[in-house]
Each structure stands twice: as C-alpha cells, then as structure tokens.
Amino acid sequence: MKSRILVVDDEESIREFLEIMLKKEGYEITLAEDGQKAKDLLAKKTFDMIISDLQMPHVTGIELLKHVKESYPDTVFMLITAFGTTETAVEAMKMGAYDYLTKPFKIDEVRLNIQNALRSRNLEVENRSLKKELVKEYSFQNMVGNSPVMHAIYDMVKRVSQTPTNVLITGESGTGKEVVAKAIHYNGPLKDRPFVTVNCGAIPENLMESEMFGHKKGSFTGAVADKAGLFEVADGGTLFLDEVGELPLTIQVKLLRAIQERVIRRVGATEDMKVDVRIIAATNRNLEEMVQKGGFRQDLFYRLNVINIKTPGLRERRDDIPLLANHFLKKYNERLNKNIGAISADAMEILKKYDYPGNVRELENMIERTVALEGGATILPESLPPMVNTSSGRKMASSNEIEIGDDGVDLDKVMGQIEKELLIKAIHSAGGVKKRAAKLLHISFRSMRYRIEKYNLGVVGDDELDDE
C-alpha cells in the first residue's frame, strides 16, 4: 500500500512542489493550506506522515504537532522551517517531531529524510504490534488448561509477575516451563522490556562466559570486536536461564556474583558494569540433589529458588488433554491451511489414556503430525501415530494366544507385530530418548532408527534428545 502523506503549508508553491515530487516517489498526497484544515482532515482520514510548515496562521506547526502526538501517535511528524528558525525546530523534535526540512529544499535530502522517517515509523508500529501479540500469547489467561493444578499456576504467575523476585521453574521436559516464564514477564511491569532466553545446555563451556557476560576485542583468539553479553542485552528486563542445572561450576560462581551485586565484567575487561536484570531459571533436574552431590552451588540455588513453580506432567492433568488437543488442532489448521473439523470421541479417548513421556510438547508434535497427514474432515483413531494406539490399551500377543489353523499363520507378520510393540514399549520406557531405548533392547542406535522407519512409528519424543 502507498504511504499516505499530508502536506500542510500556507504557501501554495511549497504545497505544489512537494505534491509533484512526492507523487513521483509513489506516495499518496493530501494538501492542507493551514493547521486547522489539517486537523479537520485528520478527523476523517488516517495518515502515515505529516509534513507541516512551522509558521502558519490560525494553528501553528507546533500546535498541530501537539495535537497529532496526543491523538494520532502512530503518525510521524516532520516540520518545514525557514533559515534562521532551526532552533525552534530542534525544540519541536524534543516534543516528538521526527526531523525538519529547511527551505530552500534539497530534493535528494527531502527524499532520503522522508524514506527514513517512514521506515522508522513502520518499524515502531510493527514492534508495538508484536509486543501486543506477545502479551496476548503469553498472558496467563491464554495458557491452556482448566485443571486445579493449572489454576494454581495461573494464580502464582499473576502474583509473581508484579514483583522483581527471582523465580525457579521446575518440571519435566515438555511441560511448558518457558511458556510460564514468558507469562510472568509479559504480565508484569517489564513487559515492554527485553525477554532474553539462554539455553544453558546448548552453549559450549569455553564460550559460556563470553556469551553470558560479553568480551573485549582481543581478549581471546577470535574476539575481533567488543561484544555485549546476554546480561547486557537483557538489562532492564528478564533473563531466562533455561536448563540452569547444566551450568558448569566455574560459570555458577560468576552468575552468583552478577545476581548478588548486579554487576558483570566482560571477558578481558578491567572494570565492572552495572546491570538490572530479573532472573527466571528453569530446570528438569533435581537441583537440591545436585547441591548435595556438589554439582550445583548451594548459595546460587538459594538465590534462584526464591519462588518455585512446578509445572506438572501431562499425565498429572489428563482432564486438560481435550482442551490442549483442540487448541493444537486449531493452531495447526491455521498454520498448515487445513480444515479438520474435530477429533473423534474414540481418538480423544486414546489421547487421554496415553502417558506422554514428552508431555505437552509431545502432544503438540503428535497433533501437528496428524493434521499434516490427515486427508479427512475428522481425526480418527487410525489417524493417530501407531505407538499411541498400542500404548493406550492393546495387549501384545504371546505365542500361547496364537492359534495355528489349517491355513497356517503368517510368521513374519506376527513377529513383525511383536517387534513393533516391543519397540514402542522401549521408546515409551526411555521417555522418548531413542538412544536409551536402543540400549534397553540391546540393539545399535542405527538399528533402532531403521526399525522406527520400517514401522513408521512417527515422532515419539524430542528429536534433540536422540544424541543424549
């Protein structure tokens, strides 16, 4: 769409000059001969930008600027000023004007200033819109679940979000710990400030200090420029330390100092830097047990665990499974451009009986896969991954139950079914970690992958856990 620009000037020649020039640039132009006429036009139509003279009868450019900033904050404002009045124009910029153009005009300068102003305006509007979407997406009201345990979490999020207190979120993988962390941030006074996530288990130990606290140019091989650490990036906002139990002890010491004293020091620097960061940490490990075994500092544990929120496994809130399944159905209908109307009652019963070693994340993956492959209007039991059907009540056949009639029995088919069900049981017992499941069956990981593909078992757990 063409950007809409309102040109306001009591000199007709100026209005005509800007109209001709800006129309050639592809803008939609409206003209007004004074500030009052501009206010009347603004009441009827929205504009992306206003270019206004400073000195005008009736309503001056400054008065028009005040009106625009109060009533139309998304409209970018640029002043036209004559030589000798730039001091007033600078004052206007302090009031919210983006920039000013000086008569006589330099066409290239005018063109560039307008392009930059509109680009800046569009970025601001987009950022504001994204922040609103984030607040909406991660508000505790939109966290899916109606079970008592989820209502307790909603209540805790609501209370904790209004304080700067550090929070430790514990729970199994896939239970939504990051969703809770974002709900705390985006429902509190820091919602317009940065929310920075650090996956403590994904950063190599030799790079961890630099990533967290930054470094100075030349402080080590490869440090070709100064770099801000994630604490600096999160300054004034929230730093989310995901899988905090994976932090090496050397970094735990520096993290403790940053939390206690609110200062950090870049690698290679000689001076400290003040930071104001709210810490939310999460882990699927037992930190108290790690403290006893010397794997996690006790003083850091107490600093992080001021308030504890435990996210429940999905098997602990089975009543929420239909809500979640339908939520994900709607989500992936929209994302994959599908129109699947419902999940059948039989399919829903199967979903409710499954234990979900991968928790909510596994259910979401399952629904995404099913929606992607489904060709009908309803998700039926046969639409679900085979392992869900098997683990939800079907019993594995034994040789005593198999009758060999006059026509004999298809041995390969029977053995294949037994093999398939043993694979599913092993994967389930291993919490979705295929390497661990292979060890349970005393087969190689390559053989495990081959059999999973052979029987089309689909997504069972987190792919990233394969290399555990």
Protein backbone atom coordinates (compact mmCIF):
# COMPACT_ATOMS: atom_id res chain seq x y z
CA MET A 1 0.00 0.00 0.00
CA LYS A 2 1.10 3.55 -0.72
CA SER A 3 2.15 5.57 2.31
CA ARG A 4 -0.24 8.47 2.95
CA ILE A 5 1.37 11.88 3.47
CA LEU A 6 -0.42 15.08 4.48
CA VAL A 7 1.42 18.27 3.40
CA VAL A 8 0.45 21.39 5.38
CA ASP A 9 1.75 24.82 4.30
CA ASP A 10 0.19 28.23 3.75
CA GLU A 11 2.39 28.81 0.67
CA GLU A 12 0.75 27.30 -2.40
CA SER A 13 4.07 26.98 -4.26
CA ILE A 14 5.54 24.85 -1.48
CA ARG A 15 2.47 22.60 -1.40
CA GLU A 16 2.57 22.12 -5.19
CA PHE A 17 6.32 21.44 -5.23
CA LEU A 18 6.08 18.75 -2.54
CA GLU A 19 2.97 17.24 -4.14
CA ILE A 20 4.67 16.82 -7.54
CA MET A 21 7.90 15.48 -6.05
CA LEU A 22 6.29 13.03 -3.61
CA LYS A 23 3.75 11.67 -6.10
CA LYS A 24 6.69 10.77 -8.36
CA GLU A 25 8.07 8.78 -5.41
CA GLY A 26 4.84 6.79 -5.23
CA TYR A 27 3.23 8.36 -2.16
CA GLU A 28 -0.46 9.24 -1.78
CA ILE A 29 -0.54 13.01 -1.13
CA THR A 30 -3.19 15.22 0.51
CA LEU A 31 -2.77 19.01 0.83
CA ALA A 32 -3.90 21.47 3.51
CA GLU A 33 -3.36 25.24 3.48
CA ASP A 34 -3.26 25.66 7.29
CA GLY A 35 -3.21 23.81 10.59
CA GLN A 36 -6.96 23.96 11.17
CA LYS A 37 -7.67 22.40 7.77
CA ALA A 38 -5.14 19.67 8.63
CA LYS A 39 -6.95 18.91 11.91
CA ASP A 40 -10.24 18.61 10.00
CA LEU A 41 -8.66 16.16 7.53
CA LEU A 42 -7.12 14.10 10.34
CA ALA A 43 -10.58 13.63 11.86
CA LYS A 44 -11.74 11.96 8.62
CA LYS A 45 -8.69 10.08 7.39
CA THR A 46 -5.53 8.41 8.75
CA PHE A 47 -2.06 9.43 7.56
CA ASP A 48 1.31 7.75 7.91
CA MET A 49 3.15 11.07 7.86
CA ILE A 50 2.56 14.83 8.14
CA ILE A 51 4.94 17.41 6.67
CA SER A 52 3.98 20.77 8.13
CA ASP A 53 5.27 24.33 7.96
CA LEU A 54 6.34 25.80 11.27
CA GLN A 55 4.87 29.31 10.87
CA MET A 56 1.19 29.34 9.82
CA PRO A 57 -1.85 31.47 10.69
CA HIS A 58 -4.64 30.18 12.99
CA VAL A 59 -2.93 26.90 14.04
CA THR A 60 0.87 26.85 14.00
CA GLY A 61 3.04 23.87 13.21
CA ILE A 62 3.90 23.46 16.91
CA GLU A 63 0.20 23.43 17.87
CA LEU A 64 -0.53 20.90 15.13
CA LEU A 65 2.37 18.75 16.35
CA LYS A 66 0.93 18.68 19.90
CA HIS A 67 -2.49 17.68 18.54
CA VAL A 68 -1.01 14.87 16.40
CA LYS A 69 1.14 13.44 19.19
CA GLU A 70 -1.85 13.38 21.57
CA SER A 71 -4.45 11.99 19.16
CA TYR A 72 -2.50 10.16 16.41
CA PRO A 73 0.73 8.83 17.99
CA ASP A 74 1.44 6.45 15.08
CA THR A 75 1.65 9.33 12.59
CA VAL A 76 5.21 10.53 12.03
CA PHE A 77 5.59 14.33 12.00
CA MET A 78 8.16 16.37 10.04
CA LEU A 79 8.49 20.16 10.11
CA ILE A 80 9.31 22.65 7.35
CA THR A 81 11.36 25.56 8.59
CA ALA A 82 12.95 28.61 7.01
CA PHE A 83 16.58 29.57 7.52
CA GLY A 84 17.08 31.11 10.94
CA THR A 85 14.31 29.20 12.77
CA THR A 86 16.12 25.89 13.21
CA GLU A 87 16.35 26.44 16.98
CA THR A 88 12.55 26.26 17.22
CA ALA A 89 12.58 23.17 15.01
CA VAL A 90 15.03 21.43 17.35
CA GLU A 91 12.70 22.21 20.27
CA ALA A 92 9.88 20.67 18.24
CA MET A 93 11.91 17.48 17.86
CA LYS A 94 12.11 17.25 21.63
CA MET A 95 8.29 17.34 21.60
CA GLY A 96 8.10 14.37 19.23
CA ALA A 97 8.78 15.64 15.70
CA TYR A 98 10.92 13.17 13.75
CA ASP A 99 13.01 15.76 11.86
CA TYR A 100 12.79 19.07 9.98
CA LEU A 101 13.32 20.22 6.39
CA THR A 102 14.97 23.57 5.75
CA LYS A 103 13.92 25.90 2.95
CA PRO A 104 15.14 26.09 0.23
CA PHE A 105 14.77 22.31 -0.25
CA LYS A 106 17.45 19.94 -1.45
CA ILE A 107 15.44 17.29 -3.29
CA ASP A 108 17.73 14.33 -2.50
CA GLU A 109 17.79 15.31 1.17
CA VAL A 110 14.00 15.60 1.32
CA ARG A 111 13.58 12.22 -0.38
CA LEU A 112 16.01 10.47 1.99
CA ASN A 113 14.59 12.07 5.15
CA ILE A 114 11.05 11.01 4.23
CA GLN A 115 12.14 7.45 3.43
CA ASN A 116 13.96 7.16 6.75
CA ALA A 117 11.06 8.68 8.69
CA LEU A 118 8.50 6.29 7.20
CA ARG A 119 10.79 3.30 7.70
CA SER A 120 11.26 4.26 11.34
CA ARG A 121 7.53 4.75 11.78
CA ASN A 122 6.71 1.36 10.25
CA LEU A 123 9.25 -0.39 12.48
CA GLU A 124 7.81 1.26 15.59
CA VAL A 125 4.25 0.27 14.65
CA GLU A 126 5.37 -3.29 13.88
CA ASN A 127 7.31 -3.60 17.15
CA ARG A 128 4.34 -2.29 19.11
CA SER A 129 2.08 -4.79 17.37
CA LEU A 130 4.49 -7.68 18.06
CA LYS A 131 4.69 -6.73 21.73
CA LYS A 132 0.89 -6.72 21.96
CA GLU A 133 0.80 -10.17 20.36
CA LEU A 134 3.43 -11.45 22.79
CA VAL A 135 1.48 -10.10 25.76
CA LYS A 136 -1.66 -11.74 24.40
CA GLU A 137 0.05 -15.06 23.61
CA TYR A 138 1.77 -15.39 26.95
CA SER A 139 -0.86 -13.92 29.22
CA PHE A 140 -1.79 -16.43 31.92
CA GLN A 141 -5.41 -16.34 30.76
CA ASN A 142 -4.34 -17.90 27.45
CA MET A 143 -2.25 -20.70 28.95
CA VAL A 144 -4.32 -23.76 28.10
CA GLY A 145 -5.73 -25.85 30.93
CA ASN A 146 -8.64 -25.87 33.34
CA SER A 147 -7.42 -28.39 35.92
CA PRO A 148 -6.92 -27.38 39.58
CA VAL A 149 -3.13 -27.66 39.24
CA MET A 150 -3.17 -25.24 36.29
CA HIS A 151 -5.38 -22.75 38.15
CA ALA A 152 -2.80 -22.79 40.96
CA ILE A 153 -0.10 -21.94 38.40
CA TYR A 154 -2.23 -19.12 36.92
CA ASP A 155 -2.63 -17.65 40.40
CA MET A 156 1.10 -17.91 41.10
CA VAL A 157 2.01 -16.31 37.74
CA LYS A 158 -0.40 -13.45 38.41
CA ARG A 159 1.17 -12.71 41.79
CA VAL A 160 4.82 -13.27 40.89
CA SER A 161 4.64 -11.17 37.70
CA GLN A 162 4.18 -8.00 39.78
CA THR A 163 7.41 -8.49 41.75
CA PRO A 164 11.10 -8.40 40.74
CA THR A 165 11.77 -11.60 42.71
CA ASN A 166 13.82 -14.40 41.14
CA VAL A 167 11.82 -17.48 40.16
CA LEU A 168 12.85 -21.11 39.64
CA ILE A 169 10.54 -23.17 37.42
CA THR A 170 10.93 -26.94 37.75
CA GLY A 171 9.33 -29.78 35.84
CA GLU A 172 9.88 -32.48 33.26
CA SER A 173 10.88 -31.68 29.68
CA GLY A 174 7.98 -30.50 27.56
CA THR A 175 5.79 -29.23 30.40
CA GLY A 176 5.86 -25.59 29.28
CA LYS A 177 8.44 -24.03 31.60
CA GLU A 178 9.37 -21.34 29.06
CA VAL A 179 5.68 -20.54 28.49
CA VAL A 180 5.32 -19.91 32.24
CA ALA A 181 8.46 -17.74 32.25
CA LYS A 182 7.13 -15.61 29.40
CA ALA A 183 3.74 -15.33 31.10
CA ILE A 184 5.47 -13.93 34.21
CA HIS A 185 7.44 -11.41 32.14
CA TYR A 186 4.66 -10.25 29.81
CA ASN A 187 2.08 -9.82 32.57
CA GLY A 188 4.29 -7.61 34.72
CA PRO A 189 5.78 -4.11 34.63
CA LEU A 190 8.72 -5.33 32.49
CA LYS A 191 6.52 -6.42 29.57
CA ASP A 192 7.93 -3.68 27.30
CA ARG A 193 11.50 -4.52 28.24
CA PRO A 194 13.69 -7.33 26.79
CA PHE A 195 13.00 -11.01 27.46
CA VAL A 196 16.22 -12.90 26.69
CA THR A 197 16.48 -16.70 26.71
CA VAL A 198 19.72 -18.58 27.40
CA ASN A 199 19.77 -22.35 26.84
CA CYS A 200 22.47 -23.21 29.37
CA GLY A 201 22.87 -26.72 28.00
CA ALA A 202 23.40 -25.63 24.40
CA ILE A 203 26.42 -23.32 24.80
CA PRO A 204 29.90 -24.92 24.95
CA GLU A 205 31.63 -24.37 28.30
CA ASN A 206 34.55 -22.47 26.74
CA LEU A 207 32.11 -19.94 25.21
CA MET A 208 29.68 -19.67 28.10
CA GLU A 209 31.37 -16.78 29.94
CA SER A 210 31.64 -14.70 26.77
CA GLU A 211 28.00 -15.40 25.82
CA MET A 212 26.71 -14.50 29.27
CA PHE A 213 28.90 -11.52 30.14
CA GLY A 214 30.39 -10.36 26.82
CA HIS A 215 34.02 -9.78 25.89
CA LYS A 216 36.50 -7.11 24.84
CA LYS A 217 38.23 -7.09 21.48
CA GLY A 218 41.43 -9.17 21.55
CA SER A 219 40.61 -10.88 24.86
CA PHE A 220 40.96 -14.31 23.21
CA THR A 221 41.51 -15.81 19.77
CA GLY A 222 38.54 -14.92 17.59
CA ALA A 223 37.47 -11.90 19.66
CA VAL A 224 37.76 -9.48 16.72
CA ALA A 225 35.42 -6.87 18.23
CA ASP A 226 33.77 -5.89 21.51
CA LYS A 227 30.67 -7.97 22.17
CA ALA A 228 27.79 -7.38 24.59
CA GLY A 229 26.81 -10.40 26.67
CA LEU A 230 23.26 -11.63 27.24
CA PHE A 231 23.14 -9.90 30.64
CA GLU A 232 23.70 -6.57 28.89
CA VAL A 233 21.12 -7.38 26.22
CA ALA A 234 18.57 -8.17 28.95
CA ASP A 235 19.40 -5.06 31.02
CA GLY A 236 16.18 -3.60 32.40
CA GLY A 237 14.24 -6.76 31.51
CA THR A 238 14.22 -10.50 32.17
CA LEU A 239 16.96 -13.09 31.61
CA PHE A 240 15.53 -16.61 31.32
CA LEU A 241 18.12 -19.27 32.18
CA ASP A 242 16.70 -22.44 30.64
CA GLU A 243 18.21 -25.75 31.84
CA VAL A 244 20.18 -23.89 34.51
CA GLY A 245 21.28 -27.22 36.01
CA GLU A 246 23.64 -27.66 33.05
CA LEU A 247 25.80 -24.66 34.02
CA PRO A 248 29.43 -25.55 34.81
CA LEU A 249 30.60 -24.67 38.33
CA THR A 250 33.03 -22.03 37.02
CA ILE A 251 30.16 -20.07 35.48
CA GLN A 252 27.94 -20.63 38.53
CA VAL A 253 30.39 -18.54 40.58
CA LYS A 254 30.23 -15.62 38.11
CA LEU A 255 26.44 -15.91 37.83
CA LEU A 256 26.10 -15.74 41.60
CA ARG A 257 28.15 -12.52 41.68
CA ALA A 258 26.06 -10.98 38.89
CA ILE A 259 22.84 -11.76 40.77
CA GLN A 260 24.09 -10.65 44.19
CA GLU A 261 25.95 -7.49 43.24
CA ARG A 262 24.11 -6.60 39.99
CA VAL A 263 27.41 -6.13 38.18
CA ILE A 264 29.16 -8.05 35.43
CA ARG A 265 32.59 -7.87 33.84
CA ARG A 266 33.23 -8.64 30.19
CA VAL A 267 35.98 -11.16 29.42
CA GLY A 268 39.19 -9.15 29.06
CA ALA A 269 37.75 -6.02 30.73
CA THR A 270 39.18 -4.34 33.82
CA GLU A 271 36.03 -2.57 35.01
CA ASP A 272 32.64 -3.79 36.19
CA MET A 273 29.39 -2.85 34.52
CA LYS A 274 26.09 -2.36 36.36
CA VAL A 275 23.08 -4.37 35.17
CA ASP A 276 19.49 -4.52 36.35
CA VAL A 277 18.08 -7.91 35.34
CA ARG A 278 15.28 -10.06 36.69
CA ILE A 279 16.28 -13.76 36.70
CA ILE A 280 13.88 -16.58 35.89
CA ALA A 281 15.54 -20.01 35.78
CA ALA A 282 14.18 -23.40 34.74
CA THR A 283 15.37 -26.98 35.00
CA ASN A 284 14.17 -30.56 34.60
CA ARG A 285 16.84 -31.74 37.05
CA ASN A 286 16.71 -32.07 40.84
CA LEU A 287 18.90 -29.14 41.91
CA GLU A 288 18.69 -29.98 45.61
CA GLU A 289 20.13 -33.42 44.87
CA MET A 290 22.81 -31.81 42.71
CA VAL A 291 23.69 -29.47 45.60
CA GLN A 292 24.17 -32.47 47.92
CA LYS A 293 26.44 -34.16 45.35
CA GLY A 294 28.46 -30.99 44.71
CA GLY A 295 27.24 -30.45 41.16
CA PHE A 296 25.43 -27.18 41.91
CA ARG A 297 26.35 -24.35 44.29
CA GLN A 298 24.10 -24.15 47.33
CA ASP A 299 24.32 -20.34 47.54
CA LEU A 300 23.31 -20.00 43.86
CA PHE A 301 20.44 -22.44 44.37
CA TYR A 302 19.06 -20.29 47.21
CA ARG A 303 19.42 -17.13 45.09
CA LEU A 304 17.47 -18.66 42.22
CA ASN A 305 14.89 -20.58 44.24
CA VAL A 306 13.25 -17.61 45.97
CA ILE A 307 9.90 -18.62 44.47
CA ASN A 308 9.41 -22.10 43.00
CA ILE A 309 6.81 -23.01 40.40
CA LYS A 310 6.48 -26.67 39.42
CA THR A 311 4.96 -27.40 36.02
CA PRO A 312 3.03 -30.69 36.11
CA GLY A 313 3.46 -33.57 33.69
CA LEU A 314 0.56 -34.02 31.29
CA ARG A 315 -0.36 -37.36 32.89
CA GLU A 316 -0.98 -35.37 36.11
CA ARG A 317 -3.68 -33.29 34.40
CA ARG A 318 -5.40 -35.63 31.96
CA ASP A 319 -8.59 -33.56 32.07
CA ASP A 320 -6.68 -30.86 30.15
CA ILE A 321 -5.81 -33.18 27.25
CA PRO A 322 -9.02 -32.46 25.23
CA LEU A 323 -8.52 -28.69 25.70
CA LEU A 324 -4.90 -28.88 24.61
CA ALA A 325 -5.59 -31.24 21.70
CA ASN A 326 -8.30 -28.96 20.30
CA HIS A 327 -6.10 -25.91 20.88
CA PHE A 328 -3.31 -27.51 18.82
CA LEU A 329 -5.81 -28.69 16.20
CA LYS A 330 -6.94 -25.10 15.67
CA LYS A 331 -3.34 -23.85 15.66
CA TYR A 332 -2.13 -26.29 13.00
CA ASN A 333 -5.29 -26.00 10.93
CA GLU A 334 -4.39 -22.33 10.52
CA ARG A 335 -0.66 -22.87 10.09
CA LEU A 336 -0.96 -25.75 7.59
CA ASN A 337 -4.03 -24.33 5.81
CA LYS A 338 -6.18 -27.34 6.75
CA ASN A 339 -9.85 -27.54 7.70
CA ILE A 340 -10.11 -30.56 10.00
CA GLY A 341 -13.31 -30.09 11.96
CA ALA A 342 -12.82 -32.23 15.05
CA ILE A 343 -11.12 -35.06 16.88
CA SER A 344 -13.47 -38.06 17.12
CA ALA A 345 -14.59 -39.30 20.55
CA ASP A 346 -12.69 -42.59 20.12
CA ALA A 347 -9.50 -40.80 19.08
CA MET A 348 -9.83 -38.44 22.06
CA GLU A 349 -10.20 -41.38 24.44
CA ILE A 350 -6.97 -42.84 23.08
CA LEU A 351 -5.22 -39.49 23.55
CA LYS A 352 -6.47 -39.26 27.13
CA LYS A 353 -5.14 -42.72 28.04
CA TYR A 354 -1.63 -42.18 26.69
CA ASP A 355 1.10 -41.32 29.25
CA TYR A 356 3.03 -38.66 27.25
CA PRO A 357 6.66 -39.07 28.31
CA GLY A 358 7.32 -35.91 26.27
CA ASN A 359 4.40 -34.09 27.96
CA VAL A 360 2.63 -31.14 26.28
CA ARG A 361 5.37 -30.81 23.65
CA GLU A 362 4.81 -34.43 22.61
CA LEU A 363 1.04 -33.91 22.33
CA GLU A 364 1.63 -30.81 20.20
CA ASN A 365 4.05 -32.70 17.92
CA MET A 366 1.53 -35.51 17.65
CA ILE A 367 -1.34 -33.21 16.65
CA GLU A 368 0.87 -31.33 14.17
CA ARG A 369 1.89 -34.62 12.51
CA THR A 370 -1.70 -35.86 12.43
CA VAL A 371 -3.05 -32.62 10.95
CA ALA A 372 -0.30 -32.61 8.32
CA LEU A 373 -1.11 -36.17 7.19
CA GLU A 374 -4.90 -36.22 7.67
CA GLY A 375 -6.93 -36.19 4.46
CA GLY A 376 -10.40 -36.30 6.00
CA ALA A 377 -12.54 -33.87 7.98
CA THR A 378 -12.14 -35.65 11.34
CA ILE A 379 -9.20 -37.14 13.22
CA LEU A 380 -9.99 -40.84 13.77
CA PRO A 381 -8.10 -43.42 15.89
CA GLU A 382 -6.29 -44.73 12.82
CA SER A 383 -5.10 -41.16 12.11
CA LEU A 384 -3.03 -41.17 15.30
CA PRO A 385 0.57 -42.48 15.45
CA PRO A 386 0.67 -46.29 15.93
CA MET A 387 2.51 -46.10 19.24
CA VAL A 388 -0.35 -44.09 20.80
CA ASN A 389 -2.91 -46.72 19.84
CA THR A 390 -0.69 -49.55 21.14
CA SER A 391 0.23 -47.97 24.46
CA SER A 392 -3.38 -47.00 25.16
CA GLY A 393 -4.70 -50.46 25.92
CA ARG A 394 -3.82 -53.03 23.27
CA LYS A 395 -2.07 -56.06 24.73
CA MET A 396 0.94 -57.64 22.99
CA ALA A 397 0.18 -61.11 21.71
CA SER A 398 2.00 -64.15 23.14
CA SER A 399 2.65 -67.46 21.40
CA ASN A 400 0.06 -69.19 23.65
CA GLU A 401 -2.67 -66.91 22.27
CA ILE A 402 -1.86 -67.52 18.60
CA GLU A 403 -3.78 -70.37 17.01
CA ILE A 404 -2.30 -72.20 14.01
CA GLY A 405 -5.24 -73.33 11.90
CA ASP A 406 -5.42 -75.36 8.71
CA ASP A 407 -4.21 -72.37 6.70
CA GLY A 408 -1.24 -71.85 8.99
CA VAL A 409 -0.02 -68.46 10.26
CA ASP A 410 1.99 -65.63 8.72
CA LEU A 411 5.08 -65.84 10.92
CA ASP A 412 6.73 -62.70 9.50
CA LYS A 413 3.58 -60.67 10.16
CA VAL A 414 3.21 -61.94 13.73
CA MET A 415 6.90 -61.42 14.54
CA GLY A 416 6.76 -58.00 12.96
CA GLN A 417 3.84 -57.03 15.20
CA ILE A 418 5.68 -58.26 18.30
CA GLU A 419 8.85 -56.41 17.28
CA LYS A 420 6.89 -53.24 16.64
CA GLU A 421 5.15 -53.34 20.02
CA LEU A 422 8.44 -54.03 21.83
CA LEU A 423 9.96 -51.00 20.09
CA ILE A 424 7.06 -48.83 21.22
CA LYS A 425 7.31 -50.09 24.80
CA ALA A 426 11.07 -49.44 24.89
CA ILE A 427 10.71 -45.91 23.49
CA HIS A 428 7.96 -45.20 25.98
CA SER A 429 10.06 -46.55 28.89
CA ALA A 430 13.01 -44.44 27.74
CA GLY A 431 10.96 -41.25 27.83
CA GLY A 432 11.19 -40.82 24.08
CA VAL A 433 15.02 -40.92 24.02
CA LYS A 434 15.78 -43.32 21.18
CA LYS A 435 19.40 -43.99 22.14
CA ARG A 436 18.25 -45.09 25.58
CA ALA A 437 15.51 -47.24 24.05
CA ALA A 438 18.10 -48.95 21.80
CA LYS A 439 20.14 -49.86 24.89
CA LEU A 440 17.04 -51.35 26.55
CA LEU A 441 16.57 -53.61 23.52
CA HIS A 442 20.30 -54.39 23.22
CA ILE A 443 20.47 -53.14 19.65
CA SER A 444 22.53 -50.39 17.99
CA PHE A 445 21.19 -46.86 17.57
CA ARG A 446 21.40 -47.29 13.78
CA SER A 447 19.30 -50.47 14.03
CA MET A 448 16.82 -48.57 16.21
CA ARG A 449 16.45 -45.82 13.62
CA TYR A 450 15.97 -48.41 10.86
CA ARG A 451 13.18 -50.17 12.76
CA ILE A 452 11.44 -46.89 13.62
CA GLU A 453 11.37 -46.00 9.93
CA LYS A 454 10.37 -49.58 8.98
CA TYR A 455 7.26 -49.48 11.16
CA ASN A 456 6.51 -45.77 10.54
CA LEU A 457 6.35 -45.02 14.25
CA GLY A 458 6.49 -41.26 13.64
CA VAL A 459 7.55 -38.63 16.17
CA VAL A 460 7.71 -40.25 19.59
CA GLY A 461 9.86 -37.85 21.60
CA ASP A 462 12.09 -34.86 21.12
CA ASP A 463 14.48 -35.31 18.20
CA GLU A 464 17.08 -33.27 20.02
CA LEU A 465 17.17 -35.94 22.72
CA ASP A 466 18.40 -38.57 20.24
CA ASP A 467 22.02 -37.68 20.93
CA GLU A 468 21.72 -37.77 24.68
